[in-house]
């Protein structure tokens, strides 16, 4: 008879762990964007066409959209790609987003 108070530790596939990390990245971006709207004057600046990276242009909006789309794409790719390809893409994307965060911060 098993003891119901003992928790079992299930082995989770690395692909699921990596996918969950990319989901976490997306949530951090969402939280950061949401809470930045509480900074006084932020909404007015956005309405006037001024983002944190200067004036808003269609090219900048496209770049922001791509930057925010890549983590959601990585959720799928982390699960779908072969391990060797997956490793390199995750390393490259991880470095890319680390650099982006350093430049933004």
PDB file of N, CA and C in Angstrom:
ATOM      1  N   UNK A   1       0.835  -1.179   0.000  1.00  0.00           N
ATOM      2  CA  UNK A   1       0.000   0.000   0.000  1.00  0.00           C
ATOM      3  C   UNK A   1       0.890   1.256   0.000  1.00  0.00           C
ATOM      4  N   UNK A   2       0.585   2.169  -0.916  1.00  0.00           N
ATOM      5  CA  UNK A   2       1.371   3.400  -1.020  1.00  0.00           C
ATOM      6  C   UNK A   2       0.935   4.405   0.030  1.00  0.00           C
ATOM      7  N   UNK A   3       1.910   5.166   0.474  1.00  0.00           N
ATOM      8  CA  UNK A   3       1.634   6.227   1.427  1.00  0.00           C
ATOM      9  C   UNK A   3       1.165   7.462   0.641  1.00  0.00           C
ATOM     10  N   UNK A   4      -0.070   7.947   0.850  1.00  0.00           N
ATOM     11  CA  UNK A   4      -0.580   9.075   0.059  1.00  0.00           C
ATOM     12  C   UNK A   4       0.094  10.403   0.375  1.00  0.00           C
ATOM     13  N   UNK A   5       0.861  10.471   1.445  1.00  0.00           N
ATOM     14  CA  UNK A   5       1.518  11.738   1.784  1.00  0.00           C
ATOM     15  C   UNK A   5       2.874  11.900   1.110  1.00  0.00           C
ATOM     16  N   UNK A   6       3.387  10.856   0.494  1.00  0.00           N
ATOM     17  CA  UNK A   6       4.680  10.931  -0.188  1.00  0.00           C
ATOM     18  C   UNK A   6       4.452  11.423  -1.619  1.00  0.00           C
ATOM     19  N   UNK A   7       5.172  12.472  -1.995  1.00  0.00           N
ATOM     20  CA  UNK A   7       5.063  13.014  -3.335  1.00  0.00           C
ATOM     21  C   UNK A   7       5.997  12.280  -4.272  1.00  0.00           C
ATOM     22  N   UNK A   8       5.539  12.073  -5.487  1.00  0.00           N
ATOM     23  CA  UNK A   8       6.374  11.439  -6.495  1.00  0.00           C
ATOM     24  C   UNK A   8       7.019  12.521  -7.354  1.00  0.00           C
ATOM     25  N   UNK A   9       8.257  12.283  -7.727  1.00  0.00           N
ATOM     26  CA  UNK A   9       8.967  13.197  -8.609  1.00  0.00           C
ATOM     27  C   UNK A   9       9.008  12.566  -9.996  1.00  0.00           C
ATOM     28  N   UNK A  10       8.231  13.119 -10.904  1.00  0.00           N
ATOM     29  CA  UNK A  10       8.169  12.590 -12.258  1.00  0.00           C
ATOM     30  C   UNK A  10       9.292  13.160 -13.099  1.00  0.00           C
ATOM     31  N   UNK A  11       9.834  12.332 -13.966  1.00  0.00           N
ATOM     32  CA  UNK A  11      10.857  12.801 -14.891  1.00  0.00           C
ATOM     33  C   UNK A  11      10.162  13.567 -16.015  1.00  0.00           C
ATOM     34  N   UNK A  12      10.581  14.805 -16.204  1.00  0.00           N
ATOM     35  CA  UNK A  12       9.990  15.652 -17.233  1.00  0.00           C
ATOM     36  C   UNK A  12      11.001  15.806 -18.363  1.00  0.00           C
ATOM     37  N   UNK A  13      10.527  15.629 -19.568  1.00  0.00           N
ATOM     38  CA  UNK A  13      11.365  15.755 -20.751  1.00  0.00           C
ATOM     39  C   UNK A  13      11.959  17.158 -20.830  1.00  0.00           C
ATOM     40  N   UNK A  14      13.212  17.244 -21.230  1.00  0.00           N
ATOM     41  CA  UNK A  14      13.913  18.524 -21.319  1.00  0.00           C
ATOM     42  C   UNK A  14      13.195  19.474 -22.272  1.00  0.00           C
ATOM     43  N   UNK A  15      12.603  18.946 -23.334  1.00  0.00           N
ATOM     44  CA  UNK A  15      11.893  19.803 -24.287  1.00  0.00           C
ATOM     45  C   UNK A  15      10.746  20.545 -23.608  1.00  0.00           C
ATOM     46  N   UNK A  16      10.037  19.876 -22.706  1.00  0.00           N
ATOM     47  CA  UNK A  16       8.947  20.533 -21.995  1.00  0.00           C
ATOM     48  C   UNK A  16       9.490  21.603 -21.043  1.00  0.00           C
ATOM     49  N   UNK A  17      10.619  21.332 -20.432  1.00  0.00           N
ATOM     50  CA  UNK A  17      11.224  22.331 -19.545  1.00  0.00           C
ATOM     51  C   UNK A  17      11.642  23.573 -20.325  1.00  0.00           C
ATOM     52  N   UNK A  18      12.271  23.375 -21.479  1.00  0.00           N
ATOM     53  CA  UNK A  18      12.692  24.504 -22.301  1.00  0.00           C
ATOM     54  C   UNK A  18      11.491  25.292 -22.806  1.00  0.00           C
ATOM     55  N   UNK A  19      10.463  24.575 -23.208  1.00  0.00           N
ATOM     56  CA  UNK A  19       9.246  25.232 -23.665  1.00  0.00           C
ATOM     57  C   UNK A  19       8.631  26.075 -22.545  1.00  0.00           C
ATOM     58  N   UNK A  20       8.619  25.528 -21.339  1.00  0.00           N
ATOM     59  CA  UNK A  20       8.076  26.266 -20.191  1.00  0.00           C
ATOM     60  C   UNK A  20       8.909  27.514 -19.896  1.00  0.00           C
ATOM     61  N   UNK A  21      10.216  27.444 -20.090  1.00  0.00           N
ATOM     62  CA  UNK A  21      11.053  28.626 -19.887  1.00  0.00           C
ATOM     63  C   UNK A  21      10.714  29.729 -20.884  1.00  0.00           C
ATOM     64  N   UNK A  22      10.428  29.350 -22.136  1.00  0.00           N
ATOM     65  CA  UNK A  22      10.042  30.355 -23.124  1.00  0.00           C
ATOM     66  C   UNK A  22       8.672  30.953 -22.789  1.00  0.00           C
ATOM     67  N   UNK A  23       7.772  30.143 -22.231  1.00  0.00           N
ATOM     68  CA  UNK A  23       6.491  30.680 -21.770  1.00  0.00           C
ATOM     69  C   UNK A  23       6.742  31.708 -20.670  1.00  0.00           C
ATOM     70  N   UNK A  24       7.672  31.419 -19.777  1.00  0.00           N
ATOM     71  CA  UNK A  24       8.017  32.356 -18.705  1.00  0.00           C
ATOM     72  C   UNK A  24       8.561  33.664 -19.269  1.00  0.00           C
ATOM     73  N   UNK A  25       9.371  33.573 -20.308  1.00  0.00           N
ATOM     74  CA  UNK A  25       9.898  34.787 -20.951  1.00  0.00           C
ATOM     75  C   UNK A  25       8.742  35.633 -21.480  1.00  0.00           C
ATOM     76  N   UNK A  26       7.772  34.968 -22.120  1.00  0.00           N
ATOM     77  CA  UNK A  26       6.633  35.717 -22.654  1.00  0.00           C
ATOM     78  C   UNK A  26       5.854  36.411 -21.541  1.00  0.00           C
ATOM     79  N   UNK A  27       5.614  35.704 -20.432  1.00  0.00           N
ATOM     80  CA  UNK A  27       4.890  36.314 -19.319  1.00  0.00           C
ATOM     81  C   UNK A  27       5.658  37.483 -18.728  1.00  0.00           C
ATOM     82  N   UNK A  28       6.974  37.370 -18.650  1.00  0.00           N
ATOM     83  CA  UNK A  28       7.775  38.490 -18.125  1.00  0.00           C
ATOM     84  C   UNK A  28       7.638  39.715 -19.021  1.00  0.00           C
ATOM     85  N   UNK A  29       7.640  39.522 -20.343  1.00  0.00           N
ATOM     86  CA  UNK A  29       7.428  40.640 -21.255  1.00  0.00           C
ATOM     87  C   UNK A  29       6.048  41.256 -21.056  1.00  0.00           C
ATOM     88  N   UNK A  30       5.034  40.402 -20.930  1.00  0.00           N
ATOM     89  CA  UNK A  30       3.672  40.914 -20.744  1.00  0.00           C
ATOM     90  C   UNK A  30       3.577  41.715 -19.449  1.00  0.00           C
ATOM     91  N   UNK A  31       4.121  41.169 -18.358  1.00  0.00           N
ATOM     92  CA  UNK A  31       4.086  41.880 -17.078  1.00  0.00           C
ATOM     93  C   UNK A  31       4.857  43.192 -17.166  1.00  0.00           C
ATOM     94  N   UNK A  32       6.014  43.160 -17.780  1.00  0.00           N
ATOM     95  CA  UNK A  32       6.807  44.380 -17.918  1.00  0.00           C
ATOM     96  C   UNK A  32       6.073  45.447 -18.715  1.00  0.00           C
ATOM     97  N   UNK A  33       5.457  45.045 -19.829  1.00  0.00           N
ATOM     98  CA  UNK A  33       4.708  46.009 -20.636  1.00  0.00           C
ATOM     99  C   UNK A  33       3.500  46.537 -19.881  1.00  0.00           C
ATOM    100  N   UNK A  34       2.807  45.655 -19.185  1.00  0.00           N
ATOM    101  CA  UNK A  34       1.608  46.065 -18.442  1.00  0.00           C
ATOM    102  C   UNK A  34       1.960  47.064 -17.346  1.00  0.00           C
ATOM    103  N   UNK A  35       2.958  46.738 -16.540  1.00  0.00           N
ATOM    104  CA  UNK A  35       3.300  47.615 -15.421  1.00  0.00           C
ATOM    105  C   UNK A  35       3.971  48.906 -15.878  1.00  0.00           C
ATOM    106  N   UNK A  36       4.569  48.902 -17.062  1.00  0.00           N
ATOM    107  CA  UNK A  36       5.159  50.151 -17.554  1.00  0.00           C
ATOM    108  C   UNK A  36       4.077  51.178 -17.880  1.00  0.00           C
ATOM    109  N   UNK A  37       2.849  50.713 -18.103  1.00  0.00           N
ATOM    110  CA  UNK A  37       1.765  51.649 -18.390  1.00  0.00           C
ATOM    111  C   UNK A  37       1.369  52.469 -17.171  1.00  0.00           C
ATOM    112  N   UNK A  38       1.802  52.059 -15.980  1.00  0.00           N
ATOM    113  CA  UNK A  38       1.488  52.800 -14.763  1.00  0.00           C
ATOM    114  C   UNK A  38       2.479  53.939 -14.495  1.00  0.00           C
ATOM    115  N   UNK A  39       3.529  54.020 -15.274  1.00  0.00           N
ATOM    116  CA  UNK A  39       4.488  55.118 -15.124  1.00  0.00           C
ATOM    117  C   UNK A  39       3.820  56.398 -15.623  1.00  0.00           C
ATOM    118  N   UNK A  40       3.805  57.438 -14.808  1.00  0.00           N
ATOM    119  CA  UNK A  40       3.141  58.681 -15.225  1.00  0.00           C
ATOM    120  C   UNK A  40       3.686  59.194 -16.561  1.00  0.00           C
ATOM    121  N   UNK A  41       2.776  59.531 -17.459  1.00  0.00           N
ATOM    122  CA  UNK A  41       3.155  60.074 -18.763  1.00  0.00           C
ATOM    123  C   UNK A  41       3.403  59.028 -19.826  1.00  0.00           C
ATOM    124  N   UNK A  42       3.482  57.771 -19.460  1.00  0.00           N
ATOM    125  CA  UNK A  42       3.804  56.709 -20.422  1.00  0.00           C
ATOM    126  C   UNK A  42       2.724  56.568 -21.497  1.00  0.00           C
ATOM    127  N   UNK A  43       1.470  56.541 -21.095  1.00  0.00           N
ATOM    128  CA  UNK A  43       0.385  56.370 -22.069  1.00  0.00           C
ATOM    129  C   UNK A  43       0.305  57.586 -22.992  1.00  0.00           C
ATOM    130  N   UNK A  44       0.488  58.776 -22.437  1.00  0.00           N
ATOM    131  CA  UNK A  44       0.461  59.990 -23.260  1.00  0.00           C
ATOM    132  C   UNK A  44       1.577  59.958 -24.303  1.00  0.00           C
ATOM    133  N   UNK A  45       2.772  59.522 -23.885  1.00  0.00           N
ATOM    134  CA  UNK A  45       3.884  59.424 -24.838  1.00  0.00           C
ATOM    135  C   UNK A  45       3.566  58.429 -25.941  1.00  0.00           C
ATOM    136  N   UNK A  46       2.997  57.288 -25.591  1.00  0.00           N
ATOM    137  CA  UNK A  46       2.637  56.299 -26.600  1.00  0.00           C
ATOM    138  C   UNK A  46       1.584  56.849 -27.556  1.00  0.00           C
ATOM    139  N   UNK A  47       0.614  57.578 -27.007  1.00  0.00           N
ATOM    140  CA  UNK A  47      -0.434  58.158 -27.853  1.00  0.00           C
ATOM    141  C   UNK A  47       0.125  59.233 -28.789  1.00  0.00           C
ATOM    142  N   UNK A  48       1.182  59.896 -28.360  1.00  0.00           N
ATOM    143  CA  UNK A  48       1.822  60.922 -29.193  1.00  0.00           C
ATOM    144  C   UNK A  48       2.849  60.340 -30.155  1.00  0.00           C
ATOM    145  N   UNK A  49       2.990  59.011 -30.169  1.00  0.00           N
ATOM    146  CA  UNK A  49       3.904  58.377 -31.117  1.00  0.00           C
ATOM    147  C   UNK A  49       5.329  58.249 -30.631  1.00  0.00           C
ATOM    148  N   UNK A  50       5.545  58.357 -29.316  1.00  0.00           N
ATOM    149  CA  UNK A  50       6.890  58.221 -28.760  1.00  0.00           C
ATOM    150  C   UNK A  50       6.974  56.947 -27.926  1.00  0.00           C
ATOM    151  N   UNK A  51       7.827  56.041 -28.359  1.00  0.00           N
ATOM    152  CA  UNK A  51       8.050  54.825 -27.579  1.00  0.00           C
ATOM    153  C   UNK A  51       9.331  54.989 -26.784  1.00  0.00           C
ATOM    154  N   UNK A  52       9.719  53.978 -26.062  1.00  0.00           N
ATOM    155  CA  UNK A  52      10.968  54.033 -25.313  1.00  0.00           C
ATOM    156  C   UNK A  52      12.186  54.099 -26.216  1.00  0.00           C
ATOM    157  N   UNK A  53      11.989  53.758 -27.505  1.00  0.00           N
ATOM    158  CA  UNK A  53      13.092  53.761 -28.474  1.00  0.00           C
ATOM    159  C   UNK A  53      12.980  54.920 -29.446  1.00  0.00           C
ATOM    160  N   UNK A  54      12.370  56.017 -29.008  1.00  0.00           N
ATOM    161  CA  UNK A  54      12.232  57.175 -29.882  1.00  0.00           C
ATOM    162  C   UNK A  54      10.857  57.211 -30.530  1.00  0.00           C
ATOM    163  N   UNK A  55      10.771  57.972 -31.621  1.00  0.00           N
ATOM    164  CA  UNK A  55       9.472  58.110 -32.285  1.00  0.00           C
ATOM    165  C   UNK A  55       9.058  56.786 -32.914  1.00  0.00           C
ATOM    166  N   UNK A  56       7.752  56.569 -32.915  1.00  0.00           N
ATOM    167  CA  UNK A  56       7.207  55.315 -33.442  1.00  0.00           C
ATOM    168  C   UNK A  56       7.075  55.409 -34.955  1.00  0.00           C
ATOM    169  N   UNK A  57       7.641  54.436 -35.641  1.00  0.00           N
ATOM    170  CA  UNK A  57       7.516  54.327 -37.093  1.00  0.00           C
ATOM    171  C   UNK A  57       7.001  52.932 -37.410  1.00  0.00           C
ATOM    172  N   UNK A  58       6.468  52.737 -38.603  1.00  0.00           N
ATOM    173  CA  UNK A  58       6.007  51.391 -38.965  1.00  0.00           C
ATOM    174  C   UNK A  58       7.105  50.330 -38.872  1.00  0.00           C
ATOM    175  N   UNK A  59       8.326  50.695 -39.215  1.00  0.00           N
ATOM    176  CA  UNK A  59       9.439  49.736 -39.134  1.00  0.00           C
ATOM    177  C   UNK A  59       9.714  49.355 -37.685  1.00  0.00           C
ATOM    178  N   UNK A  60       9.705  50.341 -36.785  1.00  0.00           N
ATOM    179  CA  UNK A  60       9.931  50.036 -35.362  1.00  0.00           C
ATOM    180  C   UNK A  60       8.816  49.171 -34.797  1.00  0.00           C
ATOM    181  N   UNK A  61       7.583  49.438 -35.190  1.00  0.00           N
ATOM    182  CA  UNK A  61       6.463  48.616 -34.724  1.00  0.00           C
ATOM    183  C   UNK A  61       6.618  47.182 -35.227  1.00  0.00           C
ATOM    184  N   UNK A  62       7.040  47.020 -36.482  1.00  0.00           N
ATOM    185  CA  UNK A  62       7.287  45.685 -37.022  1.00  0.00           C
ATOM    186  C   UNK A  62       8.409  44.993 -36.251  1.00  0.00           C
ATOM    187  N   UNK A  63       9.476  45.718 -35.930  1.00  0.00           N
ATOM    188  CA  UNK A  63      10.578  45.127 -35.171  1.00  0.00           C
ATOM    189  C   UNK A  63      10.123  44.713 -33.773  1.00  0.00           C
ATOM    190  N   UNK A  64       9.307  45.549 -33.114  1.00  0.00           N
ATOM    191  CA  UNK A  64       8.771  45.185 -31.800  1.00  0.00           C
ATOM    192  C   UNK A  64       7.894  43.943 -31.897  1.00  0.00           C
ATOM    193  N   UNK A  65       7.081  43.873 -32.954  1.00  0.00           N
ATOM    194  CA  UNK A  65       6.194  42.714 -33.135  1.00  0.00           C
ATOM    195  C   UNK A  65       7.002  41.434 -33.333  1.00  0.00           C
ATOM    196  N   UNK A  66       8.057  41.513 -34.119  1.00  0.00           N
ATOM    197  CA  UNK A  66       8.912  40.330 -34.337  1.00  0.00           C
ATOM    198  C   UNK A  66       9.600  39.946 -33.035  1.00  0.00           C
ATOM    199  N   UNK A  67      10.099  40.943 -32.317  1.00  0.00           N
ATOM    200  CA  UNK A  67      10.779  40.688 -31.046  1.00  0.00           C
ATOM    201  C   UNK A  67       9.853  39.989 -30.052  1.00  0.00           C
ATOM    202  N   UNK A  68       8.577  40.340 -30.053  1.00  0.00           N
ATOM    203  CA  UNK A  68       7.624  39.730 -29.126  1.00  0.00           C
ATOM    204  C   UNK A  68       7.061  38.403 -29.649  1.00  0.00           C
ATOM    205  N   UNK A  69       7.141  38.179 -30.952  1.00  0.00           N
ATOM    206  CA  UNK A  69       6.622  36.939 -31.534  1.00  0.00           C
ATOM    207  C   UNK A  69       7.610  35.782 -31.385  1.00  0.00           C
ATOM    208  N   UNK A  70       8.878  36.079 -31.388  1.00  0.00           N
ATOM    209  CA  UNK A  70       9.893  35.013 -31.342  1.00  0.00           C
ATOM    210  C   UNK A  70       9.793  34.107 -30.111  1.00  0.00           C
ATOM    211  N   UNK A  71       9.567  34.626 -28.889  1.00  0.00           N
ATOM    212  CA  UNK A  71       9.433  33.698 -27.756  1.00  0.00           C
ATOM    213  C   UNK A  71       8.250  32.748 -27.895  1.00  0.00           C
ATOM    214  N   UNK A  72       7.123  33.234 -28.435  1.00  0.00           N
ATOM    215  CA  UNK A  72       5.986  32.321 -28.613  1.00  0.00           C
ATOM    216  C   UNK A  72       6.289  31.275 -29.674  1.00  0.00           C
ATOM    217  N   UNK A  73       7.047  31.642 -30.675  1.00  0.00           N
ATOM    218  CA  UNK A  73       7.482  30.666 -31.676  1.00  0.00           C
ATOM    219  C   UNK A  73       8.445  29.654 -31.048  1.00  0.00           C
ATOM    220  N   UNK A  74       9.278  30.117 -30.137  1.00  0.00           N
ATOM    221  CA  UNK A  74      10.227  29.219 -29.475  1.00  0.00           C
ATOM    222  C   UNK A  74       9.537  28.199 -28.575  1.00  0.00           C
ATOM    223  N   UNK A  75       8.350  28.526 -28.047  1.00  0.00           N
ATOM    224  CA  UNK A  75       7.596  27.552 -27.259  1.00  0.00           C
ATOM    225  C   UNK A  75       7.335  26.321 -28.127  1.00  0.00           C
ATOM    226  N   UNK A  76       6.874  26.560 -29.350  1.00  0.00           N
ATOM    227  CA  UNK A  76       6.611  25.447 -30.270  1.00  0.00           C
ATOM    228  C   UNK A  76       7.898  24.780 -30.744  1.00  0.00           C
ATOM    229  N   UNK A  77       8.869  25.581 -31.160  1.00  0.00           N
ATOM    230  CA  UNK A  77      10.110  25.009 -31.701  1.00  0.00           C
ATOM    231  C   UNK A  77      10.861  24.175 -30.666  1.00  0.00           C
ATOM    232  N   UNK A  78      10.789  24.573 -29.404  1.00  0.00           N
ATOM    233  CA  UNK A  78      11.446  23.796 -28.346  1.00  0.00           C
ATOM    234  C   UNK A  78      10.896  22.381 -28.271  1.00  0.00           C
ATOM    235  N   UNK A  79       9.639  22.223 -28.615  1.00  0.00           N
ATOM    236  CA  UNK A  79       9.016  20.898 -28.582  1.00  0.00           C
ATOM    237  C   UNK A  79       9.169  20.149 -29.898  1.00  0.00           C
ATOM    238  N   UNK A  80       9.240  20.869 -31.016  1.00  0.00           N
ATOM    239  CA  UNK A  80       9.155  20.227 -32.322  1.00  0.00           C
ATOM    240  C   UNK A  80      10.502  19.897 -32.971  1.00  0.00           C
ATOM    241  N   UNK A  81      11.531  20.665 -32.674  1.00  0.00           N
ATOM    242  CA  UNK A  81      12.807  20.473 -33.364  1.00  0.00           C
ATOM    243  C   UNK A  81      13.602  19.291 -32.812  1.00  0.00           C
ATOM    244  N   UNK A  82      14.490  18.810 -33.630  1.00  0.00           N
ATOM    245  CA  UNK A  82      15.411  17.753 -33.190  1.00  0.00           C
ATOM    246  C   UNK A  82      16.379  18.338 -32.162  1.00  0.00           C
ATOM    247  N   UNK A  83      16.859  17.517 -31.238  1.00  0.00           N
ATOM    248  CA  UNK A  83      17.694  18.037 -30.136  1.00  0.00           C
ATOM    249  C   UNK A  83      18.915  18.845 -30.575  1.00  0.00           C
ATOM    250  N   UNK A  84      19.631  18.396 -31.597  1.00  0.00           N
ATOM    251  CA  UNK A  84      20.849  19.103 -32.007  1.00  0.00           C
ATOM    252  C   UNK A  84      20.528  20.502 -32.539  1.00  0.00           C
ATOM    253  N   UNK A  85      19.517  20.599 -33.383  1.00  0.00           N
ATOM    254  CA  UNK A  85      19.102  21.897 -33.921  1.00  0.00           C
ATOM    255  C   UNK A  85      18.516  22.749 -32.803  1.00  0.00           C
ATOM    256  N   UNK A  86      17.705  22.117 -31.974  1.00  0.00           N
ATOM    257  CA  UNK A  86      17.058  22.801 -30.859  1.00  0.00           C
ATOM    258  C   UNK A  86      18.091  23.457 -29.944  1.00  0.00           C
ATOM    259  N   UNK A  87      19.165  22.725 -29.644  1.00  0.00           N
ATOM    260  CA  UNK A  87      20.205  23.237 -28.746  1.00  0.00           C
ATOM    261  C   UNK A  87      20.790  24.536 -29.289  1.00  0.00           C
ATOM    262  N   UNK A  88      21.152  24.545 -30.580  1.00  0.00           N
ATOM    263  CA  UNK A  88      21.790  25.725 -31.148  1.00  0.00           C
ATOM    264  C   UNK A  88      20.833  26.903 -31.256  1.00  0.00           C
ATOM    265  N   UNK A  89      19.602  26.634 -31.630  1.00  0.00           N
ATOM    266  CA  UNK A  89      18.641  27.732 -31.742  1.00  0.00           C
ATOM    267  C   UNK A  89      18.358  28.338 -30.371  1.00  0.00           C
ATOM    268  N   UNK A  90      18.232  27.496 -29.355  1.00  0.00           N
ATOM    269  CA  UNK A  90      17.965  28.013 -28.017  1.00  0.00           C
ATOM    270  C   UNK A  90      19.164  28.798 -27.482  1.00  0.00           C
ATOM    271  N   UNK A  91      20.367  28.337 -27.748  1.00  0.00           N
ATOM    272  CA  UNK A  91      21.560  29.075 -27.325  1.00  0.00           C
ATOM    273  C   UNK A  91      21.607  30.436 -28.019  1.00  0.00           C
ATOM    274  N   UNK A  92      21.378  30.447 -29.327  1.00  0.00           N
ATOM    275  CA  UNK A  92      21.423  31.701 -30.090  1.00  0.00           C
ATOM    276  C   UNK A  92      20.321  32.651 -29.629  1.00  0.00           C
ATOM    277  N   UNK A  93      19.098  32.138 -29.495  1.00  0.00           N
ATOM    278  CA  UNK A  93      17.980  32.989 -29.076  1.00  0.00           C
ATOM    279  C   UNK A  93      18.170  33.473 -27.633  1.00  0.00           C
ATOM    280  N   UNK A  94      18.684  32.618 -26.777  1.00  0.00           N
ATOM    281  CA  UNK A  94      18.950  33.021 -25.402  1.00  0.00           C
ATOM    282  C   UNK A  94      19.968  34.143 -25.334  1.00  0.00           C
ATOM    283  N   UNK A  95      21.042  34.029 -26.106  1.00  0.00           N
ATOM    284  CA  UNK A  95      22.046  35.093 -26.160  1.00  0.00           C
ATOM    285  C   UNK A  95      21.457  36.371 -26.737  1.00  0.00           C
ATOM    286  N   UNK A  96      20.657  36.232 -27.791  1.00  0.00           N
ATOM    287  CA  UNK A  96      20.032  37.390 -28.416  1.00  0.00           C
ATOM    288  C   UNK A  96      19.157  38.137 -27.418  1.00  0.00           C
ATOM    289  N   UNK A  97      18.303  37.417 -26.695  1.00  0.00           N
ATOM    290  CA  UNK A  97      17.411  38.083 -25.746  1.00  0.00           C
ATOM    291  C   UNK A  97      18.160  38.611 -24.529  1.00  0.00           C
ATOM    292  N   UNK A  98      19.264  37.989 -24.167  1.00  0.00           N
ATOM    293  CA  UNK A  98      20.091  38.528 -23.079  1.00  0.00           C
ATOM    294  C   UNK A  98      20.674  39.876 -23.510  1.00  0.00           C
ATOM    295  N   UNK A  99      21.170  39.949 -24.718  1.00  0.00           N
ATOM    296  CA  UNK A  99      21.717  41.205 -25.244  1.00  0.00           C
ATOM    297  C   UNK A  99      20.629  42.275 -25.330  1.00  0.00           C
ATOM    298  N   UNK A 100      19.449  41.881 -25.810  1.00  0.00           N
ATOM    299  CA  UNK A 100      18.333  42.830 -25.897  1.00  0.00           C
ATOM    300  C   UNK A 100      17.993  43.377 -24.515  1.00  0.00           C
ATOM    301  N   UNK A 101      17.936  42.526 -23.516  1.00  0.00           N
ATOM    302  CA  UNK A 101      17.610  42.979 -22.159  1.00  0.00           C
ATOM    303  C   UNK A 101      18.689  43.898 -21.592  1.00  0.00           C
ATOM    304  N   UNK A 102      19.945  43.604 -21.897  1.00  0.00           N
ATOM    305  CA  UNK A 102      21.036  44.472 -21.437  1.00  0.00           C
ATOM    306  C   UNK A 102      20.916  45.839 -22.099  1.00  0.00           C
ATOM    307  N   UNK A 103      20.609  45.869 -23.393  1.00  0.00           N
ATOM    308  CA  UNK A 103      20.493  47.156 -24.102  1.00  0.00           C
ATOM    309  C   UNK A 103      19.263  47.930 -23.660  1.00  0.00           C
ATOM    310  N   UNK A 104      18.171  47.241 -23.395  1.00  0.00           N
ATOM    311  CA  UNK A 104      16.945  47.914 -22.966  1.00  0.00           C
ATOM    312  C   UNK A 104      17.078  48.416 -21.538  1.00  0.00           C
ATOM    313  N   UNK A 105      17.692  47.583 -20.686  1.00  0.00           N
ATOM    314  CA  UNK A 105      17.827  47.938 -19.274  1.00  0.00           C
ATOM    315  C   UNK A 105      18.837  49.005 -19.079  1.00  0.00           C
TER     316      UNK A 105
END
